[in-house]
Amino acid sequence: MTGFGRGSARAGDTTFTVEIRTLNHRFVEWMLHLPHELGEWEERLRQRLGRALARGRVEVWVTVSGRAWPKTVRVDKQLAAAYWQAAQALAAELNTETGVTPGFLLTLPEVVQVEEEQVDLEAWWPACAAALEEALAQVLAMRAREGKALAADLRERALNLRQLHTALEREAAQVPRLYRDRLKERLATLEVAGGIDELRLAQEVALLADRADVTEELVRLASHLDQLVQALAGEGPVGRRLEFLLQEANREVNTIGAKAQGLSLGQLVVECKAELEKMREQVQNIE
């Protein structure tokens, strides 16, 4: 599910800002962007986020502003003096002015070195963690609102599937009669000596009806739909469980469709598959 959050906190003269964005993704994928000086925090951040976000593409930016990493400028005076002496010697040899200034000497290689002072990262972590929690709370709130809307849509579609299941049961009960009428119509077009053998007709109808029997599939489909509704009413991550249940429900509907070719069940099967496909697309966005 999608979400966005932003948090900030201070540690002395340093301000930490954390931004989190989550996008729909079937699995969990991490994209952490933070200054290289804070690289050792990456696993710590990932673990905290992993306890709250189990699915989606998660992008995190950590920025630092203020007097974050104090720097010290060191001048190699001996090297600068050596450059100066070399310039003076060259100028004397060429009988000209050197024009060398202290500012120019500072631009020469290795004269100036900028060194970062050592920083106690552990002393900074509470501020970064506070910014992270603020951003994460906003993300979770946004995802929760989206989740409620998705759950409402899925419950409505589950209700439609239950109604279709009832219609499938009703039509399945008519299969023996449909086969009997179809066989009688076909035999009526033929000249059968001695008329129609009702016992033989009953046997053929029973054989065809047994091949097209979908009772077991309907029972399993009903069970999957019940579990689907229960999962939607539960707490915690349910996305993968819903995916599995929809996959199994679709398997039963496909079997019913294969057995019911040419029967009135066919249209109901098409409607069931359409609802299941819509639900499958939605469930991929649910944690």
Protein backbone atom coordinates (compact mmCIF):
# COMPACT_ATOMS: atom_id res chain seq x y z
CA MET A 1 0.00 0.00 0.00
CA THR A 2 1.05 3.57 -0.53
CA GLY A 3 2.06 5.98 2.18
CA PHE A 4 4.27 8.96 2.95
CA GLY A 5 5.70 10.36 6.15
CA ARG A 6 8.23 12.95 7.23
CA GLY A 7 9.82 13.50 10.61
CA SER A 8 12.64 15.58 12.04
CA ALA A 9 14.50 15.87 15.32
CA ARG A 10 17.52 17.77 16.66
CA ALA A 11 20.67 16.68 18.43
CA GLY A 12 22.46 19.84 19.50
CA ASP A 13 23.26 21.87 16.38
CA THR A 14 22.40 18.94 14.10
CA THR A 15 18.96 18.25 12.62
CA PHE A 16 17.94 14.84 11.31
CA THR A 17 15.14 14.54 8.76
CA VAL A 18 13.66 11.20 7.73
CA GLU A 19 11.25 10.77 4.81
CA ILE A 20 9.56 7.46 4.06
CA ARG A 21 7.55 6.58 0.98
CA THR A 22 5.90 3.21 0.38
CA LEU A 23 4.56 2.00 -2.95
CA ASN A 24 2.57 -1.04 -3.98
CA HIS A 25 4.70 -4.12 -4.43
CA ARG A 26 3.97 -7.82 -4.17
CA PHE A 27 7.00 -8.39 -1.95
CA VAL A 28 9.08 -6.16 0.32
CA GLU A 29 11.84 -4.12 -1.29
CA TRP A 30 14.09 -1.67 0.56
CA MET A 31 15.69 1.48 -0.86
CA LEU A 32 17.64 3.36 1.85
CA HIS A 33 19.37 6.65 1.08
CA LEU A 34 21.54 8.12 3.82
CA PRO A 35 24.90 9.93 4.09
CA HIS A 36 27.87 7.61 3.81
CA GLU A 37 28.99 8.72 7.27
CA LEU A 38 25.83 7.05 8.64
CA GLY A 39 26.25 3.84 6.66
CA GLU A 40 26.53 1.72 9.80
CA TRP A 41 22.92 2.68 10.66
CA GLU A 42 21.47 1.02 7.54
CA GLU A 43 20.84 -2.38 9.13
CA ARG A 44 19.42 -0.76 12.26
CA LEU A 45 16.98 1.26 10.15
CA ARG A 46 16.03 -1.78 8.10
CA GLN A 47 15.25 -3.84 11.19
CA ARG A 48 13.02 -1.14 12.67
CA LEU A 49 11.15 -0.64 9.41
CA GLY A 50 10.84 -4.40 8.92
CA ARG A 51 8.91 -4.74 12.18
CA ALA A 52 6.30 -2.28 10.90
CA LEU A 53 6.25 -2.82 7.13
CA ALA A 54 6.02 -6.33 5.75
CA ARG A 55 5.15 -5.59 2.14
CA GLY A 56 5.71 -2.94 -0.50
CA ARG A 57 8.53 -0.93 -2.00
CA VAL A 58 9.91 1.14 0.88
CA GLU A 59 12.04 4.18 0.07
CA VAL A 60 13.77 6.02 2.93
CA TRP A 61 15.80 9.22 2.86
CA VAL A 62 17.87 10.38 5.87
CA THR A 63 19.32 13.87 5.61
CA VAL A 64 21.46 15.79 8.08
CA SER A 65 21.72 19.56 8.33
CA GLY A 66 23.47 22.00 10.64
CA ARG A 67 26.91 21.48 12.13
CA ALA A 68 26.80 17.79 11.45
CA TRP A 69 30.41 16.85 10.80
CA PRO A 70 32.82 19.52 12.06
CA LYS A 71 35.83 19.91 9.82
CA THR A 72 39.34 21.10 10.54
CA VAL A 73 41.53 22.82 7.95
CA ARG A 74 45.21 21.98 8.21
CA VAL A 75 47.91 23.79 6.19
CA ASP A 76 51.20 22.09 5.43
CA LYS A 77 53.37 25.15 6.03
CA GLN A 78 56.60 23.39 5.12
CA LEU A 79 55.19 22.33 1.76
CA ALA A 80 53.83 25.85 1.13
CA ALA A 81 57.26 27.30 1.96
CA ALA A 82 58.87 24.85 -0.43
CA TYR A 83 56.48 25.98 -3.19
CA TRP A 84 57.30 29.61 -2.36
CA GLN A 85 61.04 29.04 -2.49
CA ALA A 86 60.72 27.19 -5.77
CA ALA A 87 58.69 30.09 -7.20
CA GLN A 88 61.27 32.63 -5.99
CA ALA A 89 64.13 30.65 -7.51
CA LEU A 90 62.31 30.37 -10.81
CA ALA A 91 61.49 34.09 -10.80
CA ALA A 92 65.15 35.00 -10.12
CA GLU A 93 66.32 32.77 -12.93
CA LEU A 94 63.81 34.32 -15.33
CA ASN A 95 64.44 37.82 -13.96
CA THR A 96 60.76 38.46 -13.24
CA GLU A 97 58.32 38.87 -10.38
CA THR A 98 56.78 35.72 -8.92
CA GLY A 99 53.30 37.13 -8.28
CA VAL A 100 52.77 34.24 -5.86
CA THR A 101 50.33 35.09 -3.06
CA PRO A 102 49.39 33.09 0.04
CA GLY A 103 45.98 32.50 -1.51
CA PHE A 104 47.57 30.96 -4.58
CA LEU A 105 49.77 28.72 -2.43
CA LEU A 106 46.65 27.34 -0.73
CA THR A 107 45.40 26.07 -4.11
CA LEU A 108 48.50 24.00 -4.79
CA PRO A 109 48.37 20.21 -4.33
CA GLU A 110 48.47 18.86 -0.78
CA VAL A 111 49.02 22.24 0.84
CA VAL A 112 45.56 22.22 2.39
CA GLN A 113 43.95 19.17 3.99
CA VAL A 114 40.39 19.15 5.33
CA GLU A 115 39.85 16.60 8.09
CA GLU A 116 36.52 15.62 9.61
CA GLU A 117 36.41 15.39 13.34
CA GLN A 118 35.32 12.12 14.89
CA VAL A 119 31.64 12.13 15.88
CA ASP A 120 29.89 9.91 18.42
CA LEU A 121 27.17 8.41 16.21
CA GLU A 122 25.53 6.67 19.16
CA ALA A 123 24.89 10.04 20.74
CA TRP A 124 23.06 11.05 17.57
CA TRP A 125 20.99 7.90 17.13
CA PRO A 126 18.12 8.88 19.51
CA ALA A 127 17.43 11.98 17.41
CA CYS A 128 17.43 10.01 14.16
CA ALA A 129 15.24 7.33 15.75
CA ALA A 130 12.74 9.99 16.87
CA ALA A 131 12.56 11.40 13.34
CA LEU A 132 12.12 7.88 12.00
CA GLU A 133 9.24 7.12 14.37
CA GLU A 134 7.47 10.35 13.46
CA ALA A 135 7.70 9.57 9.74
CA LEU A 136 6.74 5.95 10.26
CA ALA A 137 3.63 6.88 12.26
CA GLN A 138 2.42 9.05 9.36
CA VAL A 139 3.07 6.27 6.86
CA LEU A 140 1.19 3.69 8.92
CA ALA A 141 -1.77 6.04 9.39
CA MET A 142 -2.01 6.63 5.64
CA ARG A 143 -1.70 2.91 4.89
CA ALA A 144 -4.37 2.13 7.49
CA ARG A 145 -6.83 4.47 5.80
CA GLU A 146 -6.12 2.89 2.43
CA GLY A 147 -6.39 -0.57 3.98
CA LYS A 148 -9.88 0.14 5.33
CA ALA A 149 -11.04 1.21 1.88
CA LEU A 150 -9.55 -1.91 0.28
CA ALA A 151 -11.06 -4.16 2.94
CA ALA A 152 -14.51 -2.66 2.35
CA ASP A 153 -14.20 -3.28 -1.38
CA LEU A 154 -13.01 -6.85 -0.84
CA ARG A 155 -15.84 -7.60 1.60
CA GLU A 156 -18.35 -6.39 -0.98
CA ARG A 157 -16.81 -8.60 -3.64
CA ALA A 158 -16.75 -11.55 -1.24
CA LEU A 159 -20.48 -11.02 -0.71
CA ASN A 160 -20.99 -11.07 -4.49
CA LEU A 161 -19.07 -14.34 -4.67
CA ARG A 162 -21.23 -15.88 -1.97
CA GLN A 163 -24.33 -14.96 -3.95
CA LEU A 164 -22.78 -16.45 -7.07
CA HIS A 165 -21.94 -19.57 -5.07
CA THR A 166 -25.60 -19.91 -4.06
CA ALA A 167 -26.59 -19.57 -7.71
CA LEU A 168 -24.02 -22.20 -8.69
CA GLU A 169 -25.48 -24.62 -6.14
CA ARG A 170 -28.97 -24.00 -7.48
CA GLU A 171 -27.89 -24.56 -11.09
CA ALA A 172 -25.80 -27.61 -10.20
CA ALA A 173 -28.88 -29.27 -8.71
CA GLN A 174 -30.54 -28.99 -12.12
CA VAL A 175 -27.75 -30.81 -13.99
CA PRO A 176 -29.39 -34.30 -14.01
CA ARG A 177 -32.67 -32.85 -15.34
CA LEU A 178 -30.82 -30.85 -17.98
CA TYR A 179 -28.97 -33.96 -19.18
CA ARG A 180 -32.19 -35.97 -19.23
CA ASP A 181 -34.02 -33.33 -21.29
CA ARG A 182 -31.08 -32.99 -23.65
CA LEU A 183 -30.84 -36.74 -24.24
CA LYS A 184 -34.59 -37.04 -24.77
CA GLU A 185 -34.53 -34.24 -27.33
CA ARG A 186 -31.65 -35.88 -29.16
CA LEU A 187 -33.28 -39.31 -29.13
CA ALA A 188 -36.57 -37.84 -30.29
CA THR A 189 -34.89 -36.76 -33.52
CA LEU A 190 -33.83 -40.34 -34.14
CA GLU A 191 -35.96 -43.31 -35.06
CA VAL A 192 -35.44 -45.69 -32.17
CA ALA A 193 -36.98 -49.12 -32.62
CA GLY A 194 -39.23 -50.02 -29.71
CA GLY A 195 -39.13 -46.48 -28.32
CA ILE A 196 -36.87 -45.08 -25.60
CA ASP A 197 -35.62 -47.43 -22.88
CA GLU A 198 -36.31 -45.37 -19.76
CA LEU A 199 -33.98 -47.50 -17.60
CA ARG A 200 -31.10 -47.10 -20.04
CA LEU A 201 -31.86 -43.39 -20.29
CA ALA A 202 -31.71 -43.08 -16.51
CA GLN A 203 -28.38 -44.88 -16.43
CA GLU A 204 -26.90 -42.59 -19.09
CA VAL A 205 -28.20 -39.50 -17.31
CA ALA A 206 -26.70 -40.70 -14.02
CA LEU A 207 -23.33 -41.34 -15.69
CA LEU A 208 -23.22 -37.90 -17.32
CA ALA A 209 -24.41 -36.16 -14.15
CA ASP A 210 -21.72 -37.90 -12.12
CA ARG A 211 -19.04 -36.67 -14.50
CA ALA A 212 -20.36 -33.12 -14.19
CA ASP A 213 -20.90 -33.27 -10.44
CA VAL A 214 -19.34 -30.21 -8.79
CA THR A 215 -20.50 -30.79 -5.23
CA GLU A 216 -16.98 -31.19 -3.82
CA GLU A 217 -15.74 -28.10 -5.64
CA LEU A 218 -18.66 -26.05 -4.32
CA VAL A 219 -18.01 -27.21 -0.75
CA ARG A 220 -14.34 -26.25 -0.97
CA LEU A 221 -15.20 -22.94 -2.64
CA ALA A 222 -17.59 -22.11 0.20
CA SER A 223 -14.86 -22.91 2.73
CA HIS A 224 -12.37 -20.63 0.95
CA LEU A 225 -14.89 -17.79 0.88
CA ASP A 226 -15.63 -18.20 4.60
CA GLN A 227 -11.91 -18.09 5.42
CA LEU A 228 -11.54 -15.06 3.17
CA VAL A 229 -14.15 -13.12 5.13
CA GLN A 230 -12.58 -14.19 8.43
CA ALA A 231 -9.14 -13.03 7.28
CA LEU A 232 -10.54 -9.63 6.28
CA ALA A 233 -11.99 -9.25 9.76
CA GLY A 234 -8.72 -10.16 11.48
CA GLU A 235 -5.79 -8.07 12.62
CA GLY A 236 -2.22 -7.93 11.36
CA PRO A 237 -0.79 -8.67 7.90
CA VAL A 238 -3.19 -10.79 5.84
CA GLY A 239 -2.12 -10.09 2.26
CA ARG A 240 -0.34 -13.37 1.60
CA ARG A 241 -3.10 -15.42 3.22
CA LEU A 242 -5.70 -13.66 1.08
CA GLU A 243 -3.62 -14.34 -2.02
CA PHE A 244 -3.49 -18.04 -1.19
CA LEU A 245 -7.24 -18.27 -0.54
CA LEU A 246 -8.05 -16.47 -3.80
CA GLN A 247 -5.70 -18.78 -5.67
CA GLU A 248 -7.45 -21.84 -4.24
CA ALA A 249 -10.91 -20.37 -4.87
CA ASN A 250 -9.95 -19.70 -8.48
CA ARG A 251 -8.75 -23.30 -8.79
CA GLU A 252 -12.17 -24.60 -7.71
CA VAL A 253 -14.01 -22.23 -10.06
CA ASN A 254 -11.83 -23.37 -12.98
CA THR A 255 -12.65 -27.01 -12.21
CA ILE A 256 -16.37 -26.20 -12.06
CA GLY A 257 -16.07 -24.45 -15.40
CA ALA A 258 -14.30 -27.44 -16.96
CA LYS A 259 -16.98 -29.84 -15.75
CA ALA A 260 -19.88 -27.58 -16.69
CA GLN A 261 -19.03 -26.92 -20.32
CA GLY A 262 -22.16 -26.30 -22.32
CA LEU A 263 -24.32 -25.95 -19.20
CA SER A 264 -25.99 -22.90 -17.64
CA LEU A 265 -23.25 -22.92 -14.99
CA GLY A 266 -20.87 -21.44 -17.52
CA GLN A 267 -22.02 -17.83 -17.23
CA LEU A 268 -21.88 -17.98 -13.44
CA VAL A 269 -18.33 -19.33 -13.65
CA VAL A 270 -17.31 -16.39 -15.84
CA GLU A 271 -18.77 -13.94 -13.30
CA CYS A 272 -16.94 -15.69 -10.44
CA LYS A 273 -13.62 -15.52 -12.25
CA ALA A 274 -14.13 -11.82 -12.99
CA GLU A 275 -14.70 -11.06 -9.29
CA LEU A 276 -11.75 -13.21 -8.22
CA GLU A 277 -9.43 -11.45 -10.67
CA LYS A 278 -10.47 -8.03 -9.37
CA MET A 279 -9.87 -9.22 -5.82
CA ARG A 280 -6.48 -10.68 -6.74
CA GLU A 281 -5.36 -7.32 -8.13
CA GLN A 282 -6.46 -5.56 -4.95
CA VAL A 283 -4.93 -8.11 -2.58
CA GLN A 284 -1.47 -7.61 -4.10
CA ASN A 285 -1.55 -4.14 -2.54
CA ILE A 286 -2.46 -5.37 0.95
CA GLU A 287 0.12 -6.06 3.61
